[in-house]
Amino acid sequence: MEVLYFAWLRERIGLPKEQVETGAATVRELVAELCAREPRYAAAFENPAAIRVALDQELADFDAPLMGVREVAFFPPMTGG
Protein backbone atom coordinates (compact mmCIF):
# COMPACT_ATOMS: atom_id res chain seq x y z
CA MET A 1 0.00 0.00 0.00
CA GLU A 2 1.03 3.59 -0.42
CA VAL A 3 1.67 5.51 2.79
CA LEU A 4 1.66 9.32 2.65
CA TYR A 5 3.12 11.70 5.24
CA PHE A 6 2.17 15.37 5.52
CA ALA A 7 3.51 18.45 7.33
CA TRP A 8 5.81 17.74 10.31
CA LEU A 9 5.38 13.97 9.88
CA ARG A 10 6.99 14.25 6.44
CA GLU A 11 9.77 16.39 7.92
CA ARG A 12 10.55 13.92 10.72
CA ILE A 13 10.40 10.83 8.51
CA GLY A 14 12.11 12.48 5.57
CA LEU A 15 9.73 11.13 2.92
CA PRO A 16 6.50 12.43 1.41
CA LYS A 17 5.33 8.88 0.62
CA GLU A 18 6.46 5.28 0.31
CA GLN A 19 5.23 1.84 -0.72
CA VAL A 20 4.88 -0.40 2.33
CA GLU A 21 4.46 -4.16 2.45
CA THR A 22 2.68 -4.96 5.70
CA GLY A 23 0.95 -7.75 7.54
CA ALA A 24 -0.79 -5.22 9.81
CA ALA A 25 -4.53 -5.66 10.29
CA THR A 26 -5.17 -2.14 11.62
CA VAL A 27 -3.70 1.34 11.36
CA ARG A 28 -2.37 0.97 14.92
CA GLU A 29 -0.47 -2.20 13.92
CA LEU A 30 0.92 -0.44 10.82
CA VAL A 31 2.19 2.42 12.99
CA ALA A 32 3.84 -0.10 15.35
CA GLU A 33 5.57 -1.75 12.36
CA LEU A 34 6.78 1.62 11.07
CA CYS A 35 8.04 2.68 14.52
CA ALA A 36 10.02 -0.56 14.81
CA ARG A 37 11.85 0.23 11.53
CA GLU A 38 13.93 3.24 12.54
CA PRO A 39 14.04 5.95 15.21
CA ARG A 40 12.77 8.60 12.76
CA TYR A 41 9.41 6.79 12.51
CA ALA A 42 9.22 6.40 16.29
CA ALA A 43 9.87 10.14 16.63
CA ALA A 44 7.17 11.01 14.10
CA PHE A 45 4.54 8.80 15.76
CA GLU A 46 5.51 9.44 19.40
CA ASN A 47 2.20 11.24 20.09
CA PRO A 48 -0.61 9.46 18.18
CA ALA A 49 -3.19 11.84 19.66
CA ALA A 50 -1.62 14.59 17.52
CA ILE A 51 -1.99 12.61 14.28
CA ARG A 52 -4.96 12.03 12.02
CA VAL A 53 -5.27 9.25 9.47
CA ALA A 54 -7.19 8.79 6.24
CA LEU A 55 -7.72 5.48 4.48
CA ASP A 56 -8.30 5.85 0.74
CA GLN A 57 -9.00 9.56 1.41
CA GLU A 58 -11.63 8.93 4.12
CA LEU A 59 -10.96 9.92 7.73
CA ALA A 60 -10.49 6.92 10.00
CA ASP A 61 -9.13 6.08 13.43
CA PHE A 62 -6.14 4.04 14.53
CA ASP A 63 -8.26 0.93 15.12
CA ALA A 64 -9.61 0.95 11.54
CA PRO A 65 -8.95 -2.22 9.52
CA LEU A 66 -6.52 -2.10 6.60
CA MET A 67 -8.08 -4.92 4.57
CA GLY A 68 -8.40 -3.73 0.97
CA VAL A 69 -6.93 -0.28 1.67
CA ARG A 70 -4.67 1.10 -1.08
CA GLU A 71 -3.62 4.40 0.53
CA VAL A 72 -2.95 5.47 4.11
CA ALA A 73 -2.29 9.15 4.83
CA PHE A 74 -0.97 10.54 8.11
CA PHE A 75 -1.29 14.26 8.89
CA PRO A 76 -1.62 16.67 11.81
CA PRO A 77 -5.08 17.93 12.82
CA MET A 78 -6.41 20.70 10.61
CA THR A 79 -7.61 24.01 11.96
CA GLY A 80 -10.31 26.09 10.35
CA GLY A 81 -10.34 29.76 9.82
C-alpha atoms as a PDB file:
ATOM      1  CA  MET A   1       0.000   0.000   0.000  1.00  0.00           C
ATOM      2  CA  GLU A   2       1.034   3.595  -0.424  1.00  0.00           C
ATOM      3  CA  VAL A   3       1.671   5.509   2.793  1.00  0.00           C
ATOM      4  CA  LEU A   4       1.661   9.321   2.652  1.00  0.00           C
ATOM      5  CA  TYR A   5       3.120  11.699   5.243  1.00  0.00           C
ATOM      6  CA  PHE A   6       2.169  15.368   5.521  1.00  0.00           C
ATOM      7  CA  ALA A   7       3.513  18.451   7.331  1.00  0.00           C
ATOM      8  CA  TRP A   8       5.810  17.739  10.307  1.00  0.00           C
ATOM      9  CA  LEU A   9       5.379  13.967   9.876  1.00  0.00           C
ATOM     10  CA  ARG A  10       6.988  14.253   6.440  1.00  0.00           C
ATOM     11  CA  GLU A  11       9.771  16.385   7.915  1.00  0.00           C
ATOM     12  CA  ARG A  12      10.547  13.923  10.722  1.00  0.00           C
ATOM     13  CA  ILE A  13      10.404  10.834   8.508  1.00  0.00           C
ATOM     14  CA  GLY A  14      12.113  12.483   5.567  1.00  0.00           C
ATOM     15  CA  LEU A  15       9.731  11.128   2.924  1.00  0.00           C
ATOM     16  CA  PRO A  16       6.495  12.432   1.408  1.00  0.00           C
ATOM     17  CA  LYS A  17       5.330   8.877   0.616  1.00  0.00           C
ATOM     18  CA  GLU A  18       6.459   5.284   0.307  1.00  0.00           C
ATOM     19  CA  GLN A  19       5.231   1.840  -0.718  1.00  0.00           C
ATOM     20  CA  VAL A  20       4.882  -0.399   2.329  1.00  0.00           C
ATOM     21  CA  GLU A  21       4.462  -4.164   2.453  1.00  0.00           C
ATOM     22  CA  THR A  22       2.680  -4.961   5.702  1.00  0.00           C
ATOM     23  CA  GLY A  23       0.947  -7.746   7.539  1.00  0.00           C
ATOM     24  CA  ALA A  24      -0.785  -5.220   9.814  1.00  0.00           C
ATOM     25  CA  ALA A  25      -4.525  -5.663  10.289  1.00  0.00           C
ATOM     26  CA  THR A  26      -5.173  -2.142  11.624  1.00  0.00           C
ATOM     27  CA  VAL A  27      -3.697   1.339  11.358  1.00  0.00           C
ATOM     28  CA  ARG A  28      -2.369   0.972  14.915  1.00  0.00           C
ATOM     29  CA  GLU A  29      -0.470  -2.196  13.921  1.00  0.00           C
ATOM     30  CA  LEU A  30       0.920  -0.442  10.821  1.00  0.00           C
ATOM     31  CA  VAL A  31       2.189   2.415  12.989  1.00  0.00           C
ATOM     32  CA  ALA A  32       3.838  -0.101  15.347  1.00  0.00           C
ATOM     33  CA  GLU A  33       5.575  -1.751  12.357  1.00  0.00           C
ATOM     34  CA  LEU A  34       6.777   1.622  11.073  1.00  0.00           C
ATOM     35  CA  CYS A  35       8.037   2.675  14.517  1.00  0.00           C
ATOM     36  CA  ALA A  36      10.025  -0.560  14.809  1.00  0.00           C
ATOM     37  CA  ARG A  37      11.852   0.232  11.528  1.00  0.00           C
ATOM     38  CA  GLU A  38      13.930   3.243  12.537  1.00  0.00           C
ATOM     39  CA  PRO A  39      14.040   5.954  15.213  1.00  0.00           C
ATOM     40  CA  ARG A  40      12.774   8.603  12.760  1.00  0.00           C
ATOM     41  CA  TYR A  41       9.411   6.790  12.507  1.00  0.00           C
ATOM     42  CA  ALA A  42       9.216   6.402  16.292  1.00  0.00           C
ATOM     43  CA  ALA A  43       9.871  10.139  16.632  1.00  0.00           C
ATOM     44  CA  ALA A  44       7.174  11.006  14.101  1.00  0.00           C
ATOM     45  CA  PHE A  45       4.543   8.804  15.759  1.00  0.00           C
ATOM     46  CA  GLU A  46       5.507   9.445  19.398  1.00  0.00           C
ATOM     47  CA  ASN A  47       2.199  11.235  20.086  1.00  0.00           C
ATOM     48  CA  PRO A  48      -0.611   9.456  18.184  1.00  0.00           C
ATOM     49  CA  ALA A  49      -3.194  11.844  19.657  1.00  0.00           C
ATOM     50  CA  ALA A  50      -1.624  14.595  17.518  1.00  0.00           C
ATOM     51  CA  ILE A  51      -1.991  12.606  14.283  1.00  0.00           C
ATOM     52  CA  ARG A  52      -4.964  12.035  12.020  1.00  0.00           C
ATOM     53  CA  VAL A  53      -5.267   9.246   9.471  1.00  0.00           C
ATOM     54  CA  ALA A  54      -7.190   8.794   6.244  1.00  0.00           C
ATOM     55  CA  LEU A  55      -7.718   5.477   4.478  1.00  0.00           C
ATOM     56  CA  ASP A  56      -8.298   5.848   0.738  1.00  0.00           C
ATOM     57  CA  GLN A  57      -8.998   9.555   1.406  1.00  0.00           C
ATOM     58  CA  GLU A  58     -11.626   8.929   4.120  1.00  0.00           C
ATOM     59  CA  LEU A  59     -10.958   9.921   7.732  1.00  0.00           C
ATOM     60  CA  ALA A  60     -10.486   6.918  10.002  1.00  0.00           C
ATOM     61  CA  ASP A  61      -9.133   6.075  13.432  1.00  0.00           C
ATOM     62  CA  PHE A  62      -6.136   4.040  14.530  1.00  0.00           C
ATOM     63  CA  ASP A  63      -8.262   0.928  15.117  1.00  0.00           C
ATOM     64  CA  ALA A  64      -9.611   0.949  11.544  1.00  0.00           C
ATOM     65  CA  PRO A  65      -8.950  -2.223   9.522  1.00  0.00           C
ATOM     66  CA  LEU A  66      -6.520  -2.098   6.598  1.00  0.00           C
ATOM     67  CA  MET A  67      -8.079  -4.919   4.569  1.00  0.00           C
ATOM     68  CA  GLY A  68      -8.400  -3.727   0.967  1.00  0.00           C
ATOM     69  CA  VAL A  69      -6.928  -0.277   1.668  1.00  0.00           C
ATOM     70  CA  ARG A  70      -4.670   1.101  -1.076  1.00  0.00           C
ATOM     71  CA  GLU A  71      -3.620   4.400   0.525  1.00  0.00           C
ATOM     72  CA  VAL A  72      -2.947   5.470   4.107  1.00  0.00           C
ATOM     73  CA  ALA A  73      -2.285   9.149   4.826  1.00  0.00           C
ATOM     74  CA  PHE A  74      -0.969  10.543   8.113  1.00  0.00           C
ATOM     75  CA  PHE A  75      -1.287  14.263   8.894  1.00  0.00           C
ATOM     76  CA  PRO A  76      -1.622  16.675  11.814  1.00  0.00           C
ATOM     77  CA  PRO A  77      -5.078  17.926  12.820  1.00  0.00           C
ATOM     78  CA  MET A  78      -6.413  20.704  10.612  1.00  0.00           C
ATOM     79  CA  THR A  79      -7.614  24.011  11.958  1.00  0.00           C
ATOM     80  CA  GLY A  80     -10.311  26.091  10.349  1.00  0.00           C
ATOM     81  CA  GLY A  81     -10.341  29.756   9.819  1.00  0.00           C
END
